[in-house]
Amino acid sequence: MAKFNYTPDEDVKVHEEGAIRLISKAFQSHESGLPELLKNSADAYARENAPEPKRVIVVIFDHGRRDARPSISCLDFSGMTSTMIEQNFRIWADPEAARRGARSIAVQGGHGNGGKCYMAQMFEDYALIHTVKNDKGNRYGVAAGTVRFGYIPDRQRGRDFSVSDFRSELENALEPIKCSLQTLPNMAAEAIRIADGFTLVTGVGPKMVIEFQLVS
């Protein structure tokens, strides 16, 4: 190898939003993006080494109605703290995000992009996370057309608000997507019984979806 002497720059300049949009191109469909939400839920359970009855993931398709837009949601019963959001979820291209704090080797991991890419690209209105863990709630999301996430409606009101009963909070979170605790699958009842929180990710106005049809 030829000898090459030079002094590298102390930092690497990157156009942040341009780089994020570039890595997001791999998740420009529901087929590639929705599984990322399920993987995130599965990893959340793996990180805490949750018992099998708790490891329930529910995907909810709301076809919309006159006063509400269609939506796609993913629900788990692990929950996220503001620390998890700020030190793991919100960081783009962090390959250790999924494994940080894990108690189990079963975490699938990834590159810290898929779920965020899907939320930011594949919905015409917005996508949000409504989550509760350890009696604290957080609402965090992104508007269509941007890759900049934030608390809803702001950091003061959307971060670490007190939740006295996470079941009531979950009921309230499910109402806008035409769902309730009673309409969840039967196995969710046991998960709720032993859980201390939940994470509901909802994208409103899914792109490239003409109609939802429920098949029983």
N, C-alpha and C. Protein backbone atom coordinates (compact mmCIF):
# COMPACT_ATOMS: atom_id res chain seq x y z
N MET A 1 0.85 -1.19 0.00
CA MET A 1 0.00 0.00 0.00
C MET A 1 0.89 1.24 0.00
N ALA A 2 0.57 2.19 -0.87
CA ALA A 2 1.36 3.40 -0.97
C ALA A 2 1.18 4.26 0.27
N LYS A 3 2.28 4.88 0.70
CA LYS A 3 2.21 5.76 1.86
C LYS A 3 1.47 7.04 1.50
N PHE A 4 0.61 7.48 2.39
CA PHE A 4 -0.21 8.68 2.12
C PHE A 4 -0.35 9.47 3.40
N ASN A 5 0.27 10.61 3.45
CA ASN A 5 0.22 11.47 4.62
C ASN A 5 -0.79 12.60 4.41
N TYR A 6 -1.68 12.73 5.34
CA TYR A 6 -2.62 13.86 5.30
C TYR A 6 -3.18 14.09 6.68
N THR A 7 -3.81 15.22 6.87
CA THR A 7 -4.43 15.55 8.16
C THR A 7 -5.94 15.56 7.98
N PRO A 8 -6.63 14.54 8.48
CA PRO A 8 -8.09 14.49 8.29
C PRO A 8 -8.79 15.59 9.08
N ASP A 9 -9.94 16.01 8.57
CA ASP A 9 -10.76 16.98 9.28
C ASP A 9 -11.17 16.40 10.63
N GLU A 10 -11.40 17.28 11.57
CA GLU A 10 -11.78 16.83 12.91
C GLU A 10 -13.22 16.33 12.96
N ASP A 11 -14.05 16.76 12.02
CA ASP A 11 -15.43 16.29 12.01
C ASP A 11 -15.84 15.97 10.58
N VAL A 12 -16.99 15.32 10.45
CA VAL A 12 -17.55 14.98 9.14
C VAL A 12 -18.84 15.75 8.98
N LYS A 13 -18.93 16.56 7.96
CA LYS A 13 -20.13 17.36 7.75
C LYS A 13 -21.17 16.55 6.97
N VAL A 14 -22.39 16.56 7.46
CA VAL A 14 -23.49 15.86 6.80
C VAL A 14 -24.71 16.77 6.78
N HIS A 15 -25.37 16.83 5.65
CA HIS A 15 -26.65 17.53 5.59
C HIS A 15 -27.68 16.62 6.25
N GLU A 16 -28.07 16.93 7.47
CA GLU A 16 -28.85 16.00 8.28
C GLU A 16 -30.13 15.56 7.60
N GLU A 17 -30.95 16.53 7.18
CA GLU A 17 -32.24 16.16 6.61
C GLU A 17 -32.07 15.43 5.28
N GLY A 18 -31.08 15.84 4.48
CA GLY A 18 -30.83 15.15 3.22
C GLY A 18 -30.41 13.72 3.44
N ALA A 19 -29.56 13.48 4.43
CA ALA A 19 -29.11 12.12 4.73
C ALA A 19 -30.26 11.26 5.22
N ILE A 20 -31.13 11.84 6.06
CA ILE A 20 -32.27 11.09 6.58
C ILE A 20 -33.21 10.71 5.45
N ARG A 21 -33.46 11.63 4.54
CA ARG A 21 -34.36 11.32 3.41
C ARG A 21 -33.75 10.26 2.50
N LEU A 22 -32.43 10.25 2.41
CA LEU A 22 -31.76 9.24 1.59
C LEU A 22 -31.93 7.85 2.19
N ILE A 23 -31.69 7.71 3.50
CA ILE A 23 -31.82 6.39 4.12
C ILE A 23 -33.28 5.98 4.26
N SER A 24 -34.19 6.93 4.14
CA SER A 24 -35.61 6.61 4.28
C SER A 24 -36.19 5.96 3.03
N LYS A 25 -35.48 6.02 1.91
CA LYS A 25 -36.02 5.51 0.65
C LYS A 25 -36.32 4.02 0.69
N ALA A 26 -35.68 3.31 1.59
CA ALA A 26 -35.91 1.86 1.67
C ALA A 26 -37.24 1.52 2.32
N PHE A 27 -37.95 2.52 2.85
CA PHE A 27 -39.19 2.24 3.59
C PHE A 27 -40.35 3.06 3.02
N GLN A 28 -40.47 3.09 1.70
CA GLN A 28 -41.51 3.89 1.06
C GLN A 28 -42.69 3.04 0.63
N SER A 29 -43.03 2.07 1.46
CA SER A 29 -44.24 1.26 1.24
C SER A 29 -44.69 0.71 2.58
N HIS A 30 -45.96 0.35 2.65
CA HIS A 30 -46.46 -0.25 3.89
C HIS A 30 -45.88 -1.65 4.08
N GLU A 31 -45.60 -2.33 2.96
CA GLU A 31 -45.04 -3.68 3.06
C GLU A 31 -43.67 -3.68 3.71
N SER A 32 -42.89 -2.63 3.47
CA SER A 32 -41.56 -2.57 4.08
C SER A 32 -41.56 -1.83 5.41
N GLY A 33 -42.52 -0.91 5.60
CA GLY A 33 -42.52 -0.08 6.80
C GLY A 33 -43.26 -0.65 7.99
N LEU A 34 -44.44 -1.21 7.75
CA LEU A 34 -45.24 -1.72 8.88
C LEU A 34 -44.51 -2.80 9.67
N PRO A 35 -43.81 -3.75 9.01
CA PRO A 35 -43.06 -4.74 9.80
C PRO A 35 -42.04 -4.13 10.74
N GLU A 36 -41.55 -2.93 10.42
CA GLU A 36 -40.60 -2.27 11.31
C GLU A 36 -41.24 -1.90 12.64
N LEU A 37 -42.51 -1.51 12.62
CA LEU A 37 -43.20 -1.21 13.87
C LEU A 37 -43.37 -2.47 14.71
N LEU A 38 -43.71 -3.58 14.04
CA LEU A 38 -43.85 -4.83 14.77
C LEU A 38 -42.51 -5.27 15.35
N LYS A 39 -41.42 -5.09 14.59
CA LYS A 39 -40.10 -5.44 15.09
C LYS A 39 -39.74 -4.59 16.30
N ASN A 40 -40.09 -3.30 16.25
CA ASN A 40 -39.81 -2.43 17.40
C ASN A 40 -40.54 -2.93 18.65
N SER A 41 -41.79 -3.37 18.48
CA SER A 41 -42.55 -3.88 19.61
C SER A 41 -41.93 -5.18 20.13
N ALA A 42 -41.56 -6.06 19.21
CA ALA A 42 -40.93 -7.32 19.62
C ALA A 42 -39.62 -7.06 20.36
N ASP A 43 -38.85 -6.08 19.90
CA ASP A 43 -37.60 -5.75 20.57
C ASP A 43 -37.84 -5.14 21.95
N ALA A 44 -38.92 -4.36 22.07
CA ALA A 44 -39.26 -3.78 23.38
C ALA A 44 -39.53 -4.89 24.39
N TYR A 45 -40.24 -5.92 23.97
CA TYR A 45 -40.49 -7.06 24.86
C TYR A 45 -39.19 -7.81 25.17
N ALA A 46 -38.35 -7.97 24.15
CA ALA A 46 -37.09 -8.70 24.36
C ALA A 46 -36.17 -7.95 25.31
N ARG A 47 -36.14 -6.62 25.19
CA ARG A 47 -35.24 -5.83 26.05
C ARG A 47 -35.57 -6.04 27.53
N GLU A 48 -36.86 -6.16 27.83
CA GLU A 48 -37.25 -6.33 29.24
C GLU A 48 -37.44 -7.80 29.60
N ASN A 49 -37.16 -8.70 28.63
CA ASN A 49 -37.33 -10.14 28.87
C ASN A 49 -38.74 -10.43 29.39
N ALA A 50 -39.73 -9.87 28.69
CA ALA A 50 -41.13 -9.99 29.11
C ALA A 50 -41.62 -11.43 29.01
N PRO A 51 -42.51 -11.85 29.91
CA PRO A 51 -43.08 -13.20 29.83
C PRO A 51 -43.93 -13.34 28.57
N GLU A 52 -44.09 -14.56 28.09
CA GLU A 52 -44.80 -14.81 26.85
C GLU A 52 -46.22 -14.24 26.83
N PRO A 53 -47.02 -14.37 27.92
CA PRO A 53 -48.39 -13.84 27.86
C PRO A 53 -48.46 -12.33 27.63
N LYS A 54 -47.38 -11.63 27.96
CA LYS A 54 -47.35 -10.18 27.77
C LYS A 54 -46.98 -9.80 26.34
N ARG A 55 -46.36 -10.70 25.60
CA ARG A 55 -45.79 -10.38 24.29
C ARG A 55 -46.87 -10.41 23.20
N VAL A 56 -47.82 -9.54 23.34
CA VAL A 56 -48.91 -9.42 22.38
C VAL A 56 -48.71 -8.14 21.57
N ILE A 57 -48.83 -8.25 20.27
CA ILE A 57 -48.76 -7.09 19.37
C ILE A 57 -50.02 -7.07 18.54
N VAL A 58 -50.69 -5.95 18.54
CA VAL A 58 -51.97 -5.82 17.82
C VAL A 58 -51.81 -4.78 16.72
N VAL A 59 -52.14 -5.15 15.50
CA VAL A 59 -52.17 -4.21 14.38
C VAL A 59 -53.63 -3.84 14.12
N ILE A 60 -53.90 -2.55 14.07
CA ILE A 60 -55.27 -2.06 13.95
C ILE A 60 -55.41 -1.25 12.67
N PHE A 61 -56.33 -1.67 11.79
CA PHE A 61 -56.63 -0.93 10.57
C PHE A 61 -57.99 -0.25 10.75
N ASP A 62 -58.00 1.06 10.70
CA ASP A 62 -59.25 1.82 10.77
C ASP A 62 -59.52 2.38 9.38
N HIS A 63 -60.63 1.94 8.77
CA HIS A 63 -60.93 2.35 7.40
C HIS A 63 -61.43 3.78 7.31
N GLY A 64 -61.62 4.43 8.45
CA GLY A 64 -62.07 5.82 8.45
C GLY A 64 -63.58 5.95 8.37
N ARG A 65 -64.06 7.15 8.52
CA ARG A 65 -65.48 7.45 8.44
C ARG A 65 -65.63 8.93 8.13
N ARG A 66 -66.82 9.41 8.13
CA ARG A 66 -67.06 10.78 7.69
C ARG A 66 -66.25 11.80 8.49
N ASP A 67 -66.12 11.59 9.80
CA ASP A 67 -65.46 12.57 10.65
C ASP A 67 -64.04 12.18 11.04
N ALA A 68 -63.47 11.15 10.41
CA ALA A 68 -62.12 10.71 10.79
C ALA A 68 -61.43 10.06 9.59
N ARG A 69 -60.15 10.31 9.49
CA ARG A 69 -59.35 9.76 8.40
C ARG A 69 -58.97 8.31 8.69
N PRO A 70 -58.70 7.50 7.66
CA PRO A 70 -58.20 6.14 7.88
C PRO A 70 -56.86 6.17 8.62
N SER A 71 -56.53 5.08 9.27
CA SER A 71 -55.28 5.01 10.00
C SER A 71 -54.78 3.57 10.10
N ILE A 72 -53.51 3.44 10.39
CA ILE A 72 -52.88 2.15 10.67
C ILE A 72 -52.16 2.30 12.01
N SER A 73 -52.38 1.35 12.92
CA SER A 73 -51.79 1.44 14.25
C SER A 73 -51.14 0.13 14.65
N CYS A 74 -50.15 0.24 15.53
CA CYS A 74 -49.49 -0.93 16.11
C CYS A 74 -49.44 -0.73 17.62
N LEU A 75 -49.96 -1.70 18.35
CA LEU A 75 -50.08 -1.60 19.81
C LEU A 75 -49.29 -2.70 20.49
N ASP A 76 -48.50 -2.32 21.48
CA ASP A 76 -47.88 -3.32 22.35
C ASP A 76 -48.08 -2.90 23.80
N PHE A 77 -47.71 -3.78 24.72
CA PHE A 77 -47.95 -3.55 26.14
C PHE A 77 -46.65 -3.48 26.93
N SER A 78 -45.64 -2.92 26.30
CA SER A 78 -44.37 -2.67 26.96
C SER A 78 -44.30 -1.24 27.46
N GLY A 79 -44.43 -0.28 26.55
CA GLY A 79 -44.39 1.12 26.94
C GLY A 79 -43.00 1.72 26.83
N MET A 80 -42.94 3.04 26.71
CA MET A 80 -41.68 3.76 26.57
C MET A 80 -41.65 4.93 27.55
N THR A 81 -40.49 5.18 28.10
CA THR A 81 -40.28 6.37 28.92
C THR A 81 -39.74 7.49 28.03
N SER A 82 -39.74 8.71 28.56
CA SER A 82 -39.16 9.82 27.80
C SER A 82 -37.67 9.59 27.55
N THR A 83 -37.00 8.92 28.48
CA THR A 83 -35.58 8.60 28.29
C THR A 83 -35.39 7.67 27.10
N MET A 84 -36.26 6.66 26.98
CA MET A 84 -36.18 5.76 25.84
C MET A 84 -36.41 6.51 24.53
N ILE A 85 -37.36 7.42 24.53
CA ILE A 85 -37.65 8.21 23.32
C ILE A 85 -36.45 9.06 22.94
N GLU A 86 -35.89 9.74 23.91
CA GLU A 86 -34.86 10.73 23.62
C GLU A 86 -33.47 10.14 23.42
N GLN A 87 -33.17 9.02 24.08
CA GLN A 87 -31.84 8.44 23.97
C GLN A 87 -31.77 7.27 23.00
N ASN A 88 -32.93 6.74 22.60
CA ASN A 88 -32.95 5.60 21.68
C ASN A 88 -33.75 5.91 20.42
N PHE A 89 -35.07 6.07 20.57
CA PHE A 89 -35.93 6.16 19.40
C PHE A 89 -35.60 7.34 18.50
N ARG A 90 -35.40 8.53 19.06
CA ARG A 90 -35.28 9.73 18.24
C ARG A 90 -33.97 9.85 17.48
N ILE A 91 -32.98 9.00 17.80
CA ILE A 91 -31.67 9.10 17.16
C ILE A 91 -31.67 8.29 15.86
N TRP A 92 -31.42 8.98 14.77
CA TRP A 92 -31.37 8.34 13.47
C TRP A 92 -30.05 7.58 13.30
N ALA A 93 -30.12 6.46 12.57
CA ALA A 93 -28.94 5.68 12.17
C ALA A 93 -28.09 5.22 13.35
N ASP A 94 -28.74 4.87 14.45
CA ASP A 94 -28.02 4.34 15.61
C ASP A 94 -28.21 2.83 15.66
N PRO A 95 -27.21 2.04 15.27
CA PRO A 95 -27.37 0.58 15.23
C PRO A 95 -27.52 -0.05 16.61
N GLU A 96 -27.22 0.69 17.67
CA GLU A 96 -27.33 0.14 19.02
C GLU A 96 -28.63 0.54 19.71
N ALA A 97 -29.47 1.33 19.04
CA ALA A 97 -30.68 1.86 19.68
C ALA A 97 -31.57 0.75 20.21
N ALA A 98 -31.79 -0.29 19.41
CA ALA A 98 -32.70 -1.36 19.82
C ALA A 98 -32.14 -2.20 20.96
N ARG A 99 -30.82 -2.31 21.05
CA ARG A 99 -30.20 -3.20 22.03
C ARG A 99 -29.87 -2.50 23.34
N ARG A 100 -29.89 -1.19 23.36
CA ARG A 100 -29.48 -0.45 24.55
C ARG A 100 -30.42 -0.77 25.72
N GLY A 101 -29.87 -1.20 26.81
CA GLY A 101 -30.66 -1.53 27.98
C GLY A 101 -31.29 -2.91 27.93
N ALA A 102 -30.91 -3.72 26.94
CA ALA A 102 -31.54 -5.03 26.78
C ALA A 102 -31.09 -6.01 27.84
N ARG A 103 -32.04 -6.83 28.31
CA ARG A 103 -31.72 -7.91 29.23
C ARG A 103 -31.61 -9.25 28.50
N SER A 104 -31.96 -9.26 27.23
CA SER A 104 -32.02 -10.50 26.47
C SER A 104 -31.20 -10.38 25.20
N ILE A 105 -30.66 -11.50 24.72
CA ILE A 105 -29.91 -11.51 23.47
C ILE A 105 -30.85 -11.66 22.28
N ALA A 106 -32.16 -11.75 22.52
CA ALA A 106 -33.13 -11.99 21.45
C ALA A 106 -33.54 -10.72 20.71
N VAL A 107 -32.96 -9.59 21.07
CA VAL A 107 -33.30 -8.34 20.39
C VAL A 107 -32.83 -8.41 18.95
N GLN A 108 -33.73 -8.09 18.00
CA GLN A 108 -33.38 -8.18 16.58
C GLN A 108 -32.51 -7.02 16.14
N GLY A 109 -32.76 -5.84 16.70
CA GLY A 109 -31.95 -4.68 16.36
C GLY A 109 -32.22 -4.18 14.96
N GLY A 110 -31.29 -3.36 14.46
CA GLY A 110 -31.43 -2.76 13.15
C GLY A 110 -30.51 -1.56 13.06
N HIS A 111 -30.92 -0.55 12.32
CA HIS A 111 -30.09 0.63 12.16
C HIS A 111 -30.76 1.89 12.68
N GLY A 112 -31.79 1.74 13.50
CA GLY A 112 -32.42 2.89 14.12
C GLY A 112 -33.18 3.77 13.16
N ASN A 113 -33.67 3.20 12.06
CA ASN A 113 -34.30 4.01 11.03
C ASN A 113 -35.72 3.59 10.65
N GLY A 114 -35.96 2.28 10.54
CA GLY A 114 -37.16 1.77 9.89
C GLY A 114 -38.47 2.34 10.37
N GLY A 115 -38.71 2.26 11.68
CA GLY A 115 -39.99 2.75 12.21
C GLY A 115 -40.18 4.23 11.97
N LYS A 116 -39.12 5.01 12.20
CA LYS A 116 -39.21 6.46 11.99
C LYS A 116 -39.41 6.79 10.51
N CYS A 117 -38.70 6.07 9.64
CA CYS A 117 -38.84 6.30 8.20
C CYS A 117 -40.28 6.06 7.76
N TYR A 118 -40.86 4.97 8.25
CA TYR A 118 -42.24 4.64 7.90
C TYR A 118 -43.19 5.71 8.40
N MET A 119 -43.04 6.12 9.64
CA MET A 119 -43.93 7.12 10.22
C MET A 119 -43.83 8.46 9.47
N ALA A 120 -42.62 8.82 9.06
CA ALA A 120 -42.40 10.13 8.44
C ALA A 120 -42.81 10.19 6.98
N GLN A 121 -42.88 9.03 6.30
CA GLN A 121 -43.09 9.04 4.85
C GLN A 121 -44.43 8.55 4.37
N MET A 122 -45.03 7.60 5.08
CA MET A 122 -46.14 6.86 4.49
C MET A 122 -47.53 7.29 4.97
N PHE A 123 -47.63 8.50 5.52
CA PHE A 123 -48.93 8.99 5.98
C PHE A 123 -49.11 10.45 5.55
N GLU A 124 -50.29 10.75 5.05
CA GLU A 124 -50.56 12.06 4.48
C GLU A 124 -50.79 13.13 5.55
N ASP A 125 -51.19 12.73 6.75
CA ASP A 125 -51.49 13.70 7.80
C ASP A 125 -50.37 13.78 8.84
N TYR A 126 -50.22 12.73 9.63
CA TYR A 126 -49.20 12.69 10.67
C TYR A 126 -49.09 11.27 11.21
N ALA A 127 -48.07 11.05 12.03
CA ALA A 127 -47.91 9.78 12.75
C ALA A 127 -47.48 10.11 14.16
N LEU A 128 -47.99 9.35 15.12
CA LEU A 128 -47.70 9.67 16.52
C LEU A 128 -47.51 8.41 17.36
N ILE A 129 -46.78 8.60 18.44
CA ILE A 129 -46.62 7.58 19.46
C ILE A 129 -47.33 8.06 20.72
N HIS A 130 -48.25 7.26 21.22
CA HIS A 130 -48.92 7.54 22.50
C HIS A 130 -48.50 6.40 23.42
N THR A 131 -47.72 6.70 24.44
CA THR A 131 -47.12 5.64 25.24
C THR A 131 -47.17 5.97 26.73
N VAL A 132 -47.24 4.92 27.54
CA VAL A 132 -47.24 5.05 29.00
C VAL A 132 -46.30 4.01 29.57
N LYS A 133 -45.50 4.42 30.55
CA LYS A 133 -44.61 3.50 31.26
C LYS A 133 -44.39 4.05 32.66
N ASN A 134 -44.57 3.21 33.67
CA ASN A 134 -44.30 3.60 35.06
C ASN A 134 -45.05 4.87 35.46
N ASP A 135 -46.34 4.91 35.12
CA ASP A 135 -47.23 6.01 35.53
C ASP A 135 -46.91 7.35 34.87
N LYS A 136 -46.11 7.34 33.81
CA LYS A 136 -45.81 8.55 33.05
C LYS A 136 -46.18 8.33 31.59
N GLY A 137 -46.79 9.36 30.99
CA GLY A 137 -47.18 9.27 29.60
C GLY A 137 -46.39 10.21 28.72
N ASN A 138 -46.30 9.85 27.44
CA ASN A 138 -45.64 10.68 26.44
C ASN A 138 -46.39 10.58 25.12
N ARG A 139 -46.49 11.73 24.43
CA ARG A 139 -47.02 11.76 23.07
C ARG A 139 -45.95 12.41 22.20
N TYR A 140 -45.54 11.67 21.17
CA TYR A 140 -44.39 12.09 20.37
C TYR A 140 -44.68 11.70 18.93
N GLY A 141 -44.39 12.58 17.98
CA GLY A 141 -44.72 12.22 16.61
C GLY A 141 -44.14 13.15 15.58
N VAL A 142 -44.67 13.05 14.36
CA VAL A 142 -44.13 13.80 13.23
C VAL A 142 -45.26 14.15 12.28
N ALA A 143 -45.22 15.36 11.73
CA ALA A 143 -46.18 15.78 10.73
C ALA A 143 -45.75 15.29 9.36
N ALA A 144 -46.70 15.12 8.45
CA ALA A 144 -46.38 14.70 7.09
C ALA A 144 -45.46 15.73 6.43
N GLY A 145 -44.53 15.24 5.62
CA GLY A 145 -43.67 16.13 4.87
C GLY A 145 -42.39 16.54 5.56
N THR A 146 -42.17 16.07 6.79
CA THR A 146 -40.95 16.42 7.52
C THR A 146 -40.38 15.19 8.20
N VAL A 147 -39.10 15.25 8.54
CA VAL A 147 -38.47 14.15 9.29
C VAL A 147 -38.13 14.60 10.70
N ARG A 148 -38.65 15.74 11.11
CA ARG A 148 -38.36 16.28 12.44
C ARG A 148 -39.48 15.90 13.41
N PHE A 149 -39.17 15.00 14.31
CA PHE A 149 -40.13 14.53 15.31
C PHE A 149 -40.17 15.51 16.49
N GLY A 150 -41.25 15.44 17.28
CA GLY A 150 -41.34 16.26 18.47
C GLY A 150 -42.50 15.87 19.35
N TYR A 151 -42.54 16.44 20.55
CA TYR A 151 -43.61 16.15 21.50
C TYR A 151 -44.90 16.84 21.07
N ILE A 152 -46.02 16.25 21.46
CA ILE A 152 -47.35 16.70 21.05
C ILE A 152 -48.15 17.15 22.27
N PRO A 153 -48.66 18.38 22.30
CA PRO A 153 -48.47 19.46 21.32
C PRO A 153 -47.15 20.19 21.51
N ASP A 154 -46.49 19.98 22.67
CA ASP A 154 -45.19 20.58 22.95
C ASP A 154 -44.54 19.78 24.06
N ARG A 155 -43.30 20.10 24.37
CA ARG A 155 -42.53 19.35 25.37
C ARG A 155 -43.15 19.46 26.76
N GLN A 156 -43.72 20.61 27.09
CA GLN A 156 -44.29 20.82 28.42
C GLN A 156 -45.52 19.95 28.66
N ARG A 157 -46.36 19.81 27.64
CA ARG A 157 -47.60 19.06 27.81
C ARG A 157 -47.56 17.63 27.30
N GLY A 158 -46.61 17.33 26.43
CA GLY A 158 -46.57 16.00 25.84
C GLY A 158 -45.53 15.06 26.42
N ARG A 159 -44.76 15.55 27.38
CA ARG A 159 -43.67 14.75 27.93
C ARG A 159 -43.87 14.50 29.42
N ASP A 160 -43.82 13.23 29.81
CA ASP A 160 -43.87 12.81 31.22
C ASP A 160 -45.08 13.36 31.97
N PHE A 161 -46.25 13.34 31.32
CA PHE A 161 -47.44 13.73 32.06
C PHE A 161 -47.90 12.56 32.93
N SER A 162 -48.52 12.89 34.05
CA SER A 162 -48.91 11.87 35.03
C SER A 162 -50.08 11.04 34.51
N VAL A 163 -49.99 9.72 34.70
CA VAL A 163 -51.05 8.79 34.31
C VAL A 163 -51.36 7.91 35.53
N SER A 164 -52.55 8.09 36.10
CA SER A 164 -52.92 7.33 37.29
C SER A 164 -53.40 5.91 36.96
N ASP A 165 -53.96 5.73 35.76
CA ASP A 165 -54.49 4.42 35.35
C ASP A 165 -54.19 4.24 33.86
N PHE A 166 -53.21 3.41 33.54
CA PHE A 166 -52.82 3.29 32.14
C PHE A 166 -53.91 2.64 31.30
N ARG A 167 -54.79 1.85 31.91
CA ARG A 167 -55.88 1.25 31.17
C ARG A 167 -56.86 2.32 30.66
N SER A 168 -57.17 3.28 31.52
CA SER A 168 -58.04 4.38 31.10
C SER A 168 -57.35 5.22 30.02
N GLU A 169 -56.04 5.42 30.17
CA GLU A 169 -55.29 6.17 29.15
C GLU A 169 -55.29 5.42 27.83
N LEU A 170 -55.16 4.10 27.88
CA LEU A 170 -55.20 3.30 26.66
C LEU A 170 -56.58 3.38 26.01
N GLU A 171 -57.61 3.30 26.83
CA GLU A 171 -58.98 3.42 26.29
C GLU A 171 -59.15 4.73 25.55
N ASN A 172 -58.64 5.81 26.13
CA ASN A 172 -58.73 7.12 25.48
C ASN A 172 -57.91 7.17 24.20
N ALA A 173 -56.75 6.50 24.20
CA ALA A 173 -55.90 6.50 23.02
C ALA A 173 -56.52 5.70 21.88
N LEU A 174 -57.27 4.65 22.21
CA LEU A 174 -57.89 3.79 21.20
C LEU A 174 -59.14 4.41 20.57
N GLU A 175 -59.81 5.27 21.31
CA GLU A 175 -61.08 5.81 20.84
C GLU A 175 -61.01 6.48 19.47
N PRO A 176 -60.00 7.32 19.18
CA PRO A 176 -59.96 7.98 17.87
C PRO A 176 -59.81 7.01 16.70
N ILE A 177 -59.29 5.80 16.94
CA ILE A 177 -59.12 4.85 15.85
C ILE A 177 -60.22 3.77 15.89
N LYS A 178 -61.34 4.12 16.52
CA LYS A 178 -62.54 3.28 16.51
C LYS A 178 -62.27 1.91 17.10
N CYS A 179 -61.58 1.92 18.24
CA CYS A 179 -61.25 0.67 18.92
C CYS A 179 -61.45 0.88 20.41
N SER A 180 -61.46 -0.20 21.18
CA SER A 180 -61.62 -0.12 22.63
C SER A 180 -60.97 -1.34 23.27
N LEU A 181 -60.88 -1.33 24.58
CA LEU A 181 -60.32 -2.49 25.28
C LEU A 181 -61.15 -3.73 25.01
N GLN A 182 -62.46 -3.55 24.90
CA GLN A 182 -63.36 -4.69 24.68
C GLN A 182 -63.21 -5.30 23.29
N THR A 183 -62.81 -4.51 22.30
CA THR A 183 -62.70 -5.03 20.94
C THR A 183 -61.31 -5.55 20.61
N LEU A 184 -60.36 -5.43 21.53
CA LEU A 184 -59.04 -6.00 21.31
C LEU A 184 -59.11 -7.52 21.35
N PRO A 185 -58.18 -8.22 20.74
CA PRO A 185 -58.17 -9.69 20.79
C PRO A 185 -58.16 -10.19 22.24
N ASN A 186 -58.69 -11.38 22.46
CA ASN A 186 -58.79 -11.93 23.80
C ASN A 186 -57.45 -12.02 24.50
N MET A 187 -56.40 -12.37 23.76
CA MET A 187 -55.09 -12.52 24.39
C MET A 187 -54.55 -11.19 24.91
N ALA A 188 -55.09 -10.08 24.43
CA ALA A 188 -54.63 -8.78 24.92
C ALA A 188 -55.06 -8.55 26.36
N ALA A 189 -56.16 -9.18 26.78
CA ALA A 189 -56.66 -8.98 28.15
C ALA A 189 -55.63 -9.42 29.18
N GLU A 190 -54.97 -10.56 28.95
CA GLU A 190 -53.96 -11.04 29.89
C GLU A 190 -52.73 -10.15 29.84
N ALA A 191 -52.37 -9.69 28.65
CA ALA A 191 -51.22 -8.78 28.52
C ALA A 191 -51.47 -7.50 29.30
N ILE A 192 -52.67 -6.96 29.19
CA ILE A 192 -53.02 -5.73 29.91
C ILE A 192 -52.98 -5.97 31.42
N ARG A 193 -53.41 -7.15 31.84
CA ARG A 193 -53.48 -7.45 33.27
C ARG A 193 -52.10 -7.42 33.91
N ILE A 194 -51.07 -7.88 33.20
CA ILE A 194 -49.74 -7.96 33.80
C ILE A 194 -48.82 -6.82 33.35
N ALA A 195 -49.31 -5.93 32.50
CA ALA A 195 -48.48 -4.84 31.97
C ALA A 195 -48.49 -3.64 32.90
N ASP A 196 -47.52 -2.75 32.70
CA ASP A 196 -47.50 -1.48 33.43
C ASP A 196 -47.51 -0.30 32.45
N GLY A 197 -47.84 -0.60 31.19
CA GLY A 197 -47.88 0.47 30.20
C GLY A 197 -48.24 -0.05 28.83
N PHE A 198 -48.14 0.81 27.84
CA PHE A 198 -48.44 0.44 26.45
C PHE A 198 -47.74 1.42 25.53
N THR A 199 -47.60 1.02 24.27
CA THR A 199 -47.18 1.93 23.21
C THR A 199 -48.11 1.74 22.03
N LEU A 200 -48.76 2.82 21.62
CA LEU A 200 -49.64 2.81 20.46
C LEU A 200 -49.06 3.76 19.42
N VAL A 201 -48.62 3.20 18.30
CA VAL A 201 -48.11 4.00 17.19
C VAL A 201 -49.20 4.07 16.13
N THR A 202 -49.59 5.27 15.73
CA THR A 202 -50.67 5.45 14.77
C THR A 202 -50.25 6.39 13.66
N GLY A 203 -50.44 5.95 12.42
CA GLY A 203 -50.25 6.81 11.26
C GLY A 203 -51.59 7.14 10.66
N VAL A 204 -51.85 8.42 10.43
CA VAL A 204 -53.16 8.86 9.96
C VAL A 204 -53.07 9.29 8.50
N GLY A 205 -54.01 8.77 7.69
CA GLY A 205 -54.00 9.07 6.27
C GLY A 205 -52.96 8.27 5.52
N PRO A 206 -53.00 6.93 5.61
CA PRO A 206 -51.97 6.12 4.94
C PRO A 206 -51.95 6.36 3.43
N LYS A 207 -50.76 6.51 2.88
CA LYS A 207 -50.60 6.71 1.45
C LYS A 207 -50.73 5.40 0.69
N MET A 208 -51.16 5.49 -0.56
CA MET A 208 -51.23 4.35 -1.46
C MET A 208 -52.13 3.23 -0.95
N VAL A 209 -53.14 3.60 -0.16
CA VAL A 209 -54.13 2.64 0.31
C VAL A 209 -55.49 3.17 -0.11
N ILE A 210 -56.19 2.42 -0.95
CA ILE A 210 -57.48 2.87 -1.46
C ILE A 210 -58.59 2.53 -0.49
N GLU A 211 -58.55 1.33 0.06
CA GLU A 211 -59.64 0.90 0.93
C GLU A 211 -59.16 -0.19 1.85
N PHE A 212 -59.60 -0.16 3.09
CA PHE A 212 -59.37 -1.26 4.02
C PHE A 212 -60.61 -2.16 4.01
N GLN A 213 -60.38 -3.45 4.07
CA GLN A 213 -61.49 -4.38 4.21
C GLN A 213 -61.16 -5.38 5.29
N LEU A 214 -62.00 -5.44 6.32
CA LEU A 214 -61.76 -6.35 7.43
C LEU A 214 -62.19 -7.75 7.05
N VAL A 215 -61.31 -8.70 7.16
CA VAL A 215 -61.59 -10.10 6.84
C VAL A 215 -61.51 -10.89 8.12
N SER A 216 -62.58 -11.54 8.47
CA SER A 216 -62.60 -12.32 9.72
C SER A 216 -62.37 -13.80 9.44
